[in-house]
C-alpha atoms as a PDB file:
ATOM      1  CA  MET A   1      75.779 147.739  89.522  1.00  0.00           C
ATOM      2  CA  THR A   2      74.644 145.710  86.516  1.00  0.00           C
ATOM      3  CA  PHE A   3      75.955 142.109  85.574  1.00  0.00           C
ATOM      4  CA  ARG A   4      77.155 142.536  82.250  1.00  0.00           C
ATOM      5  CA  PRO A   5      78.295 138.987  80.456  1.00  0.00           C
ATOM      6  CA  ASP A   6      77.799 140.013  76.719  1.00  0.00           C
ATOM      7  CA  ARG A   7      80.685 142.315  77.678  1.00  0.00           C
ATOM      8  CA  ILE A   8      82.360 139.321  79.584  1.00  0.00           C
ATOM      9  CA  LEU A   9      82.363 137.195  76.746  1.00  0.00           C
ATOM     10  CA  ALA A  10      83.068 140.330  74.135  1.00  0.00           C
ATOM     11  CA  HIS A  11      86.587 141.807  75.865  1.00  0.00           C
ATOM     12  CA  ASP A  12      89.135 142.577  73.929  1.00  0.00           C
ATOM     13  CA  PHE A  13      92.506 141.782  75.808  1.00  0.00           C
ATOM     14  CA  GLY A  14      94.855 142.453  73.005  1.00  0.00           C
ATOM     15  CA  GLU A  15      98.488 141.735  73.152  1.00  0.00           C
ATOM     16  CA  ALA A  16     100.799 141.485  76.277  1.00  0.00           C
ATOM     17  CA  ARG A  17     104.284 142.458  75.770  1.00  0.00           C
ATOM     18  CA  GLN A  18     106.591 141.371  78.797  1.00  0.00           C
ATOM     19  CA  SER A  19     110.230 140.983  79.351  1.00  0.00           C
ATOM     20  CA  TYR A  20     111.441 138.834  82.088  1.00  0.00           C
ATOM     21  CA  ILE A  21     115.132 138.083  83.710  1.00  0.00           C
ATOM     22  CA  ALA A  22     116.941 135.733  85.650  1.00  0.00           C
ATOM     23  CA  ARG A  23     116.473 137.919  88.760  1.00  0.00           C
ATOM     24  CA  ASP A  24     112.203 137.568  88.269  1.00  0.00           C
ATOM     25  CA  ALA A  25     112.380 133.857  88.079  1.00  0.00           C
ATOM     26  CA  ILE A  26     114.555 133.844  91.113  1.00  0.00           C
ATOM     27  CA  LEU A  27     112.002 135.990  93.404  1.00  0.00           C
ATOM     28  CA  TYR A  28     109.223 133.407  92.148  1.00  0.00           C
ATOM     29  CA  ALA A  29     111.191 130.637  93.030  1.00  0.00           C
ATOM     30  CA  LEU A  30     111.435 132.263  96.591  1.00  0.00           C
ATOM     31  CA  GLY A  31     107.535 132.694  96.434  1.00  0.00           C
ATOM     32  CA  VAL A  32     106.470 129.599  96.189  1.00  0.00           C
ATOM     33  CA  GLY A  33     108.987 128.723  99.169  1.00  0.00           C
ATOM     34  CA  LEU A  34     112.453 127.096  97.500  1.00  0.00           C
ATOM     35  CA  GLY A  35     115.117 127.697  99.910  1.00  0.00           C
ATOM     36  CA  HIS A  36     114.008 127.106 102.847  1.00  0.00           C
ATOM     37  CA  ASP A  37     116.773 125.164 103.049  1.00  0.00           C
ATOM     38  CA  PRO A  38     120.292 127.305 101.301  1.00  0.00           C
ATOM     39  CA  LEU A  39     122.037 124.191 101.594  1.00  0.00           C
ATOM     40  CA  ASP A  40     119.730 122.238  98.995  1.00  0.00           C
ATOM     41  CA  GLU A  41     121.301 121.819  95.606  1.00  0.00           C
ATOM     42  CA  GLY A  42     117.550 121.056  94.175  1.00  0.00           C
ATOM     43  CA  ASP A  43     116.631 124.127  95.040  1.00  0.00           C
ATOM     44  CA  LEU A  44     119.556 126.522  94.430  1.00  0.00           C
ATOM     45  CA  ALA A  45     118.877 125.367  90.189  1.00  0.00           C
ATOM     46  CA  PHE A  46     116.620 127.389  90.706  1.00  0.00           C
ATOM     47  CA  LEU A  47     118.143 130.458  92.425  1.00  0.00           C
ATOM     48  CA  ASP A  48     121.342 130.678  91.364  1.00  0.00           C
ATOM     49  CA  GLU A  49     121.539 132.677  88.763  1.00  0.00           C
ATOM     50  CA  THR A  50     124.953 131.514  87.235  1.00  0.00           C
ATOM     51  CA  ARG A  51     122.889 127.987  86.692  1.00  0.00           C
ATOM     52  CA  LEU A  52     119.576 129.003  87.001  1.00  0.00           C
ATOM     53  CA  SER A  53     116.652 126.602  85.851  1.00  0.00           C
ATOM     54  CA  VAL A  54     113.395 127.737  85.994  1.00  0.00           C
ATOM     55  CA  LEU A  55     110.324 126.511  87.668  1.00  0.00           C
ATOM     56  CA  PRO A  56     107.522 126.166  84.797  1.00  0.00           C
ATOM     57  CA  THR A  57     105.035 127.505  86.992  1.00  0.00           C
ATOM     58  CA  PHE A  58     106.467 130.831  86.491  1.00  0.00           C
ATOM     59  CA  ALA A  59     104.892 131.113  83.114  1.00  0.00           C
ATOM     60  CA  VAL A  60     101.550 131.525  85.204  1.00  0.00           C
ATOM     61  CA  THR A  61     102.625 134.996  86.125  1.00  0.00           C
ATOM     62  CA  LEU A  62     103.681 136.370  83.091  1.00  0.00           C
ATOM     63  CA  CYS A  63     102.232 138.585  80.754  1.00  0.00           C
ATOM     64  CA  SER A  64      98.635 138.800  83.393  1.00  0.00           C
ATOM     65  CA  PRO A  65      95.695 140.723  81.732  1.00  0.00           C
ATOM     66  CA  GLY A  66      96.017 141.903  85.723  1.00  0.00           C
ATOM     67  CA  MET A  67      92.616 143.442  87.433  1.00  0.00           C
ATOM     68  CA  TRP A  68      90.849 143.282  83.877  1.00  0.00           C
ATOM     69  CA  ILE A  69      87.700 142.197  85.863  1.00  0.00           C
ATOM     70  CA  ARG A  70      87.684 144.697  88.296  1.00  0.00           C
ATOM     71  CA  ASP A  71      86.075 147.305  85.477  1.00  0.00           C
ATOM     72  CA  ALA A  72      82.840 148.486  86.873  1.00  0.00           C
ATOM     73  CA  ALA A  73      81.654 148.229  83.271  1.00  0.00           C
ATOM     74  CA  PHE A  74      81.447 144.256  83.394  1.00  0.00           C
ATOM     75  CA  GLY A  75      79.392 144.878  86.529  1.00  0.00           C
ATOM     76  CA  VAL A  76      81.473 141.808  88.769  1.00  0.00           C
ATOM     77  CA  ASP A  77      81.127 141.578  92.668  1.00  0.00           C
ATOM     78  CA  PHE A  78      84.385 141.920  92.892  1.00  0.00           C
ATOM     79  CA  ARG A  79      84.847 141.267  96.701  1.00  0.00           C
ATOM     80  CA  ARG A  80      83.259 138.167  96.082  1.00  0.00           C
ATOM     81  CA  LEU A  81      84.976 136.615  93.076  1.00  0.00           C
ATOM     82  CA  VAL A  82      87.500 133.609  94.553  1.00  0.00           C
ATOM     83  CA  HIS A  83      90.288 132.132  91.655  1.00  0.00           C
ATOM     84  CA  SER A  84      88.920 128.902  91.733  1.00  0.00           C
ATOM     85  CA  ALA A  85      90.920 126.896  89.003  1.00  0.00           C
ATOM     86  CA  GLN A  86      94.123 126.633  87.761  1.00  0.00           C
ATOM     87  CA  ALA A  87      95.309 124.615  84.621  1.00  0.00           C
ATOM     88  CA  ALA A  88      98.502 124.834  82.665  1.00  0.00           C
ATOM     89  CA  THR A  89     100.420 122.781  79.777  1.00  0.00           C
ATOM     90  CA  PHE A  90     103.784 123.890  79.699  1.00  0.00           C
ATOM     91  CA  HIS A  91     104.743 123.047  76.395  1.00  0.00           C
ATOM     92  CA  ALA A  92     108.907 124.213  76.526  1.00  0.00           C
ATOM     93  CA  PRO A  93     110.936 124.927  79.365  1.00  0.00           C
ATOM     94  CA  LEU A  94     111.736 128.656  79.927  1.00  0.00           C
ATOM     95  CA  SER A  95     114.494 130.933  79.632  1.00  0.00           C
ATOM     96  CA  PRO A  96     116.641 132.299  82.085  1.00  0.00           C
ATOM     97  CA  SER A  97     115.749 135.853  80.547  1.00  0.00           C
ATOM     98  CA  ALA A  98     113.462 136.096  77.577  1.00  0.00           C
ATOM     99  CA  ASP A  99     110.649 138.980  76.006  1.00  0.00           C
ATOM    100  CA  VAL A 100     107.782 137.379  75.901  1.00  0.00           C
ATOM    101  CA  LEU A 101     103.581 137.619  74.455  1.00  0.00           C
ATOM    102  CA  GLY A 102     100.506 136.956  76.054  1.00  0.00           C
ATOM    103  CA  THR A 103      97.150 136.703  74.383  1.00  0.00           C
ATOM    104  CA  ALA A 104      93.795 136.018  76.204  1.00  0.00           C
ATOM    105  CA  ARG A 105      90.419 135.187  75.712  1.00  0.00           C
ATOM    106  CA  VAL A 106      87.139 134.229  77.874  1.00  0.00           C
ATOM    107  CA  VAL A 107      86.167 130.959  77.112  1.00  0.00           C
ATOM    108  CA  GLY A 108      83.481 129.860  79.259  1.00  0.00           C
ATOM    109  CA  LEU A 109      80.882 132.194  81.120  1.00  0.00           C
ATOM    110  CA  THR A 110      78.038 129.984  82.884  1.00  0.00           C
ATOM    111  CA  ASP A 111      75.735 129.619  85.318  1.00  0.00           C
ATOM    112  CA  ARG A 112      74.985 128.026  88.830  1.00  0.00           C
ATOM    113  CA  GLY A 113      72.225 130.063  89.697  1.00  0.00           C
ATOM    114  CA  GLU A 114      71.222 132.361  92.020  1.00  0.00           C
ATOM    115  CA  GLY A 115      73.148 132.655  95.518  1.00  0.00           C
ATOM    116  CA  ARG A 116      75.717 130.092  93.689  1.00  0.00           C
ATOM    117  CA  GLY A 117      77.566 132.698  91.266  1.00  0.00           C
ATOM    118  CA  ALA A 118      78.988 132.058  88.234  1.00  0.00           C
ATOM    119  CA  ILE A 119      81.915 130.969  86.435  1.00  0.00           C
ATOM    120  CA  LEU A 120      84.376 132.155  84.345  1.00  0.00           C
ATOM    121  CA  GLU A 121      87.290 130.530  82.332  1.00  0.00           C
ATOM    122  CA  LEU A 122      90.081 132.706  81.160  1.00  0.00           C
ATOM    123  CA  GLU A 123      92.411 130.998  78.412  1.00  0.00           C
ATOM    124  CA  ARG A 124      95.863 132.652  77.655  1.00  0.00           C
ATOM    125  CA  GLN A 125      98.911 131.594  76.061  1.00  0.00           C
ATOM    126  CA  ILE A 126     102.717 132.461  76.253  1.00  0.00           C
ATOM    127  CA  ALA A 127     104.810 132.538  73.753  1.00  0.00           C
ATOM    128  CA  ASN A 128     108.647 133.722  73.108  1.00  0.00           C
ATOM    129  CA  ALA A 129     108.409 137.411  71.395  1.00  0.00           C
ATOM    130  CA  ALA A 130     111.588 136.968  69.123  1.00  0.00           C
ATOM    131  CA  ASP A 131     110.804 133.339  67.861  1.00  0.00           C
ATOM    132  CA  GLY A 132     107.375 132.255  68.161  1.00  0.00           C
ATOM    133  CA  THR A 133     107.966 129.455  71.191  1.00  0.00           C
ATOM    134  CA  THR A 134     105.072 128.517  72.530  1.00  0.00           C
ATOM    135  CA  TYR A 135     106.040 127.969  76.347  1.00  0.00           C
ATOM    136  CA  CYS A 136     102.466 127.039  77.464  1.00  0.00           C
ATOM    137  CA  THR A 137      98.717 127.551  77.722  1.00  0.00           C
ATOM    138  CA  LEU A 138      97.203 128.338  80.887  1.00  0.00           C
ATOM    139  CA  ARG A 139      93.047 127.729  82.031  1.00  0.00           C
ATOM    140  CA  GLN A 140      92.300 129.618  84.981  1.00  0.00           C
ATOM    141  CA  THR A 141      88.581 129.985  86.462  1.00  0.00           C
ATOM    142  CA  LEU A 142      86.923 132.150  88.757  1.00  0.00           C
ATOM    143  CA  LEU A 143      84.022 131.955  90.799  1.00  0.00           C
ATOM    144  CA  LEU A 144      82.089 134.995  90.468  1.00  0.00           C
ATOM    145  CA  ARG A 145      80.540 134.084  93.795  1.00  0.00           C
ATOM    146  CA  GLY A 146      78.084 137.327  93.538  1.00  0.00           C
ATOM    147  CA  ASN A 147      76.664 137.144  89.564  1.00  0.00           C
ATOM    148  CA  GLY A 148      75.078 133.959  89.950  1.00  0.00           C
ATOM    149  CA  GLY A 149      71.375 133.343  88.386  1.00  0.00           C
ATOM    150  CA  PHE A 150      72.240 135.442  85.348  1.00  0.00           C
ATOM    151  CA  GLY A 151      69.998 132.985  82.994  1.00  0.00           C
ATOM    152  CA  GLY A 152      73.677 131.927  80.909  1.00  0.00           C
ATOM    153  CA  PRO A 153      73.891 128.003  80.035  1.00  0.00           C
ATOM    154  CA  ALA A 154      74.205 125.689  82.993  1.00  0.00           C
ATOM    155  CA  ALA A 155      77.581 124.945  84.270  1.00  0.00           C
ATOM    156  CA  PRO A 156      78.865 121.356  83.472  1.00  0.00           C
ATOM    157  CA  ARG A 157      78.633 118.546  85.956  1.00  0.00           C
ATOM    158  CA  ALA A 158      82.623 117.649  87.088  1.00  0.00           C
ATOM    159  CA  SER A 159      83.863 114.403  86.982  1.00  0.00           C
ATOM    160  CA  THR A 160      86.481 113.508  89.828  1.00  0.00           C
ATOM    161  CA  VAL A 161      90.109 112.555  89.446  1.00  0.00           C
ATOM    162  CA  ILE A 162      91.016 111.481  92.591  1.00  0.00           C
ATOM    163  CA  PRO A 163      91.014 107.633  92.889  1.00  0.00           C
ATOM    164  CA  GLU A 164      88.664 105.693  95.349  1.00  0.00           C
ATOM    165  CA  THR A 165      91.725 103.709  96.827  1.00  0.00           C
ATOM    166  CA  ALA A 166      94.808 105.286  99.305  1.00  0.00           C
ATOM    167  CA  PRO A 167      97.597 107.465  98.340  1.00  0.00           C
ATOM    168  CA  GLY A 168     100.881 106.591  97.600  1.00  0.00           C
ATOM    169  CA  ALA A 169     102.540 108.836  98.353  1.00  0.00           C
ATOM    170  CA  GLN A 170     102.306 111.979 100.484  1.00  0.00           C
ATOM    171  CA  THR A 171     104.531 114.650 101.412  1.00  0.00           C
ATOM    172  CA  SER A 172     103.972 118.213 103.396  1.00  0.00           C
ATOM    173  CA  THR A 173     105.259 122.054 102.937  1.00  0.00           C
ATOM    174  CA  SER A 174     105.079 124.503 105.163  1.00  0.00           C
ATOM    175  CA  LEU A 175     104.513 128.130 104.142  1.00  0.00           C
ATOM    176  CA  SER A 176     106.579 131.329 105.543  1.00  0.00           C
ATOM    177  CA  PRO A 177     104.394 133.573 107.264  1.00  0.00           C
ATOM    178  CA  ARG A 178     105.975 136.009 104.640  1.00  0.00           C
ATOM    179  CA  ALA A 179     104.488 133.654 102.268  1.00  0.00           C
ATOM    180  CA  ALA A 180     102.070 136.471 100.057  1.00  0.00           C
ATOM    181  CA  LEU A 181     104.348 139.408 101.081  1.00  0.00           C
ATOM    182  CA  ILE A 182     107.025 137.855  98.450  1.00  0.00           C
ATOM    183  CA  TYR A 183     104.448 136.026  95.803  1.00  0.00           C
ATOM    184  CA  ARG A 184     102.893 138.966  95.563  1.00  0.00           C
ATOM    185  CA  LEU A 185     105.894 140.206  93.520  1.00  0.00           C
ATOM    186  CA  SER A 186     106.103 138.575  91.067  1.00  0.00           C
ATOM    187  CA  GLY A 187     102.493 140.648  89.637  1.00  0.00           C
ATOM    188  CA  ASP A 188      99.878 139.615  91.356  1.00  0.00           C
ATOM    189  CA  TRP A 189      98.512 143.116  92.997  1.00  0.00           C
ATOM    190  CA  ASN A 190      95.070 141.632  94.494  1.00  0.00           C
ATOM    191  CA  PRO A 191      94.828 143.879  97.715  1.00  0.00           C
ATOM    192  CA  LEU A 192      93.588 141.253  99.005  1.00  0.00           C
ATOM    193  CA  HIS A 193      96.363 139.194  99.890  1.00  0.00           C
ATOM    194  CA  ILE A 194      98.149 142.323 102.036  1.00  0.00           C
ATOM    195  CA  ASP A 195      95.590 144.595 102.940  1.00  0.00           C
ATOM    196  CA  PRO A 196      94.239 143.097 106.329  1.00  0.00           C
ATOM    197  CA  ALA A 197      91.117 145.361 106.216  1.00  0.00           C
ATOM    198  CA  PHE A 198      90.081 144.308 102.535  1.00  0.00           C
ATOM    199  CA  ALA A 199      90.798 140.813 104.149  1.00  0.00           C
ATOM    200  CA  ARG A 200      88.089 141.442 106.704  1.00  0.00           C
ATOM    201  CA  SER A 201      85.779 143.006 104.074  1.00  0.00           C
ATOM    202  CA  ALA A 202      86.164 140.250 101.920  1.00  0.00           C
ATOM    203  CA  GLY A 203      84.987 137.763 104.439  1.00  0.00           C
ATOM    204  CA  PHE A 204      88.581 136.824 105.752  1.00  0.00           C
ATOM    205  CA  ASP A 205      90.399 137.293 109.403  1.00  0.00           C
ATOM    206  CA  ARG A 206      93.295 138.895 107.538  1.00  0.00           C
ATOM    207  CA  PRO A 207      95.360 138.341 104.420  1.00  0.00           C
ATOM    208  CA  ILE A 208      95.163 135.020 102.290  1.00  0.00           C
ATOM    209  CA  MET A 209      98.215 132.864 100.085  1.00  0.00           C
ATOM    210  CA  HIS A 210      97.053 133.827  96.418  1.00  0.00           C
ATOM    211  CA  GLY A 211      95.945 130.339  94.429  1.00  0.00           C
ATOM    212  CA  LEU A 212      98.751 130.543  92.252  1.00  0.00           C
ATOM    213  CA  GLY A 213     101.100 131.109  94.671  1.00  0.00           C
ATOM    214  CA  SER A 214      99.940 127.512  96.337  1.00  0.00           C
ATOM    215  CA  TYR A 215      99.534 125.961  93.054  1.00  0.00           C
ATOM    216  CA  GLY A 216     103.378 126.708  92.147  1.00  0.00           C
ATOM    217  CA  VAL A 217     104.302 125.427  95.956  1.00  0.00           C
ATOM    218  CA  ALA A 218     102.601 122.026  94.431  1.00  0.00           C
ATOM    219  CA  GLY A 219     104.363 121.685  91.605  1.00  0.00           C
ATOM    220  CA  ALA A 220     107.457 121.744  93.475  1.00  0.00           C
ATOM    221  CA  ALA A 221     106.103 119.878  96.195  1.00  0.00           C
ATOM    222  CA  LEU A 222     104.730 116.797  94.181  1.00  0.00           C
ATOM    223  CA  SER A 223     108.035 117.146  91.881  1.00  0.00           C
ATOM    224  CA  ARG A 224     110.408 116.499  94.411  1.00  0.00           C
ATOM    225  CA  ALA A 225     107.723 113.628  96.395  1.00  0.00           C
ATOM    226  CA  LEU A 226     108.064 111.487  93.575  1.00  0.00           C
ATOM    227  CA  GLY A 227     111.762 112.558  92.573  1.00  0.00           C
ATOM    228  CA  ARG A 228     111.315 113.769  89.807  1.00  0.00           C
ATOM    229  CA  ASN A 229     112.935 117.493  88.411  1.00  0.00           C
ATOM    230  CA  PRO A 230     110.295 120.528  89.231  1.00  0.00           C
ATOM    231  CA  ALA A 231     111.298 121.927  85.806  1.00  0.00           C
ATOM    232  CA  GLU A 232     110.294 118.780  84.271  1.00  0.00           C
ATOM    233  CA  THR A 233     107.015 119.497  84.530  1.00  0.00           C
ATOM    234  CA  SER A 234     104.953 119.645  81.189  1.00  0.00           C
ATOM    235  CA  ALA A 235     100.904 120.166  83.100  1.00  0.00           C
ATOM    236  CA  LEU A 236      99.690 120.787  86.627  1.00  0.00           C
ATOM    237  CA  SER A 237      95.991 121.362  87.204  1.00  0.00           C
ATOM    238  CA  CYS A 238      93.907 121.701  90.385  1.00  0.00           C
ATOM    239  CA  ARG A 239      90.861 123.165  92.083  1.00  0.00           C
ATOM    240  CA  PHE A 240      91.264 125.598  94.925  1.00  0.00           C
ATOM    241  CA  SER A 241      88.201 124.098  97.670  1.00  0.00           C
ATOM    242  CA  GLY A 242      89.828 126.338 100.591  1.00  0.00           C
ATOM    243  CA  ILE A 243      91.594 129.194 101.814  1.00  0.00           C
ATOM    244  CA  VAL A 244      95.329 128.968 102.650  1.00  0.00           C
ATOM    245  CA  PHE A 245      97.205 131.289 104.555  1.00  0.00           C
ATOM    246  CA  PRO A 246     100.854 132.279 104.860  1.00  0.00           C
ATOM    247  CA  GLY A 247     101.852 130.091 107.201  1.00  0.00           C
ATOM    248  CA  ASP A 248      99.881 127.404 106.730  1.00  0.00           C
ATOM    249  CA  THR A 249     101.006 123.376 106.497  1.00  0.00           C
ATOM    250  CA  LEU A 250     100.042 122.067 103.593  1.00  0.00           C
ATOM    251  CA  ALA A 251      99.691 118.185 103.472  1.00  0.00           C
ATOM    252  CA  PHE A 252      99.740 116.254  99.931  1.00  0.00           C
ATOM    253  CA  SER A 253      97.862 112.874  99.452  1.00  0.00           C
ATOM    254  CA  ILE A 254      99.380 111.855  95.633  1.00  0.00           C
ATOM    255  CA  TRP A 255      98.070 108.648  93.952  1.00  0.00           C
ATOM    256  CA  PRO A 256     100.736 108.453  91.161  1.00  0.00           C
ATOM    257  CA  ASP A 257      99.528 106.077  87.850  1.00  0.00           C
ATOM    258  CA  ALA A 258     101.242 105.712  84.409  1.00  0.00           C
ATOM    259  CA  HIS A 259     100.445 109.532  83.220  1.00  0.00           C
ATOM    260  CA  GLY A 260     102.038 111.322  85.992  1.00  0.00           C
ATOM    261  CA  ALA A 261      99.803 111.788  89.681  1.00  0.00           C
ATOM    262  CA  ALA A 262      96.895 112.782  90.817  1.00  0.00           C
ATOM    263  CA  PHE A 263      96.467 114.905  94.501  1.00  0.00           C
ATOM    264  CA  ARG A 264      94.538 116.433  96.748  1.00  0.00           C
ATOM    265  CA  ALA A 265      96.299 119.142  99.703  1.00  0.00           C
ATOM    266  CA  HIS A 266      94.837 119.130 103.311  1.00  0.00           C
ATOM    267  CA  VAL A 267      95.774 122.267 105.961  1.00  0.00           C
ATOM    268  CA  GLY A 268      94.635 120.391 109.036  1.00  0.00           C
ATOM    269  CA  GLU A 269      91.326 118.837 108.479  1.00  0.00           C
ATOM    270  CA  ARG A 270      90.423 121.474 105.765  1.00  0.00           C
ATOM    271  CA  LEU A 271      90.785 120.967 101.806  1.00  0.00           C
ATOM    272  CA  VAL A 272      92.800 123.204 100.231  1.00  0.00           C
ATOM    273  CA  LEU A 273      93.386 121.568  96.462  1.00  0.00           C
ATOM    274  CA  ASP A 274      91.377 118.870  95.037  1.00  0.00           C
ATOM    275  CA  GLU A 275      91.228 117.573  91.821  1.00  0.00           C
ATOM    276  CA  GLY A 276      94.578 117.911  90.849  1.00  0.00           C
ATOM    277  CA  ARG A 277      96.902 116.474  87.775  1.00  0.00           C
ATOM    278  CA  ILE A 278     100.495 116.963  87.886  1.00  0.00           C
ATOM    279  CA  ALA A 279     102.932 115.419  84.392  1.00  0.00           C
ATOM    280  CA  TRP A 280     106.333 115.744  83.497  1.00  0.00           C
ATOM    281  CA  ARG A 281     108.000 115.646  80.332  1.00  0.00           C
ATOM    282  CA  SER A 282     110.302 112.412  80.795  1.00  0.00           C
ATOM    283  CA  ALA A 283     109.772 109.345  81.810  1.00  0.00           C
ATOM    284  CA  ALA A 284     110.229 108.306  85.918  1.00  0.00           C
END
C-alpha cells in the first residue's frame, strides 16, 4: 500500500448536508457525561427538550466527512491513525434543531520523519443551511503513525500554552463504562471504540474512548468548575496526549486567565489531554 499525499491534499470533500433534532443534541449531551445526576438543573438544561440549550461542542459531530481517510486510494495505515488534537471556534449558538451544511478541506500535511508519522490537518465549517449563519470552524489534527518519511515539509515545533505556575483550579469527572457506546451514536462509527478484536489489533487491550468524546467532556467540566455556562463556550482546543478508556476518571488542572483558561487532564499519573485552551462568549 503506497502512501499518496498528493491525493490527500487534492481530495474534494464536496458539501455535506445534515438535519438534526433535539433528540440528537440530547443524545450527544448524554454521551459526554451530562445527566450523571438527574436532579442537576444545569445538566437538565441540555437534556430537557422543552427548554433545550445545545452544547457548542455538539457541532464537531455535524456534517462529518466520515471515514474518508480509510479509502485505500490514500495509502494510509488506518490501524495506526490517531486523532491527536482538536480545536474549534464556536461563532454562534446552535439551535435545538436545524438543517446544516458542512465544508471540509485539508489545510496541512507535514512529515515527522520515518517511524515518527505524518500530521494531517483538516479544517471544517458548519453553517445553517437556511440563513448561512456560521456555527463553528473546526480544525482536526490526525497523526498518521505509519506514514512518516514521505519527504513532505517538516512538522513545526509546537509551543506550549500551559503556564509554569501551579494550577489555579482543579476538578474531576468520571466517565461511564458505557461512554463510548453512547458517544458513537452521535456519528463516529470507528470500530476502535466498540470492537474488542479491532482494538486489540490496533494495540489496545479493549475499546477506547473517542478523542472527541473526551473533548466534549472537557468543555462541560471546565465550564462548570469555573462557574461558567457550557452553552457560552466560544472556543475549545486540546491535544490528545494519552488514551482514555470508558470508566476512567479525568482529573483536570486549570489555569484561569483574562482570556479564559488553559488546562490539561490526567487519568491517574497518565497525561491524557494537554495544551488545552477554553474561552467563553461573555465575561465572568
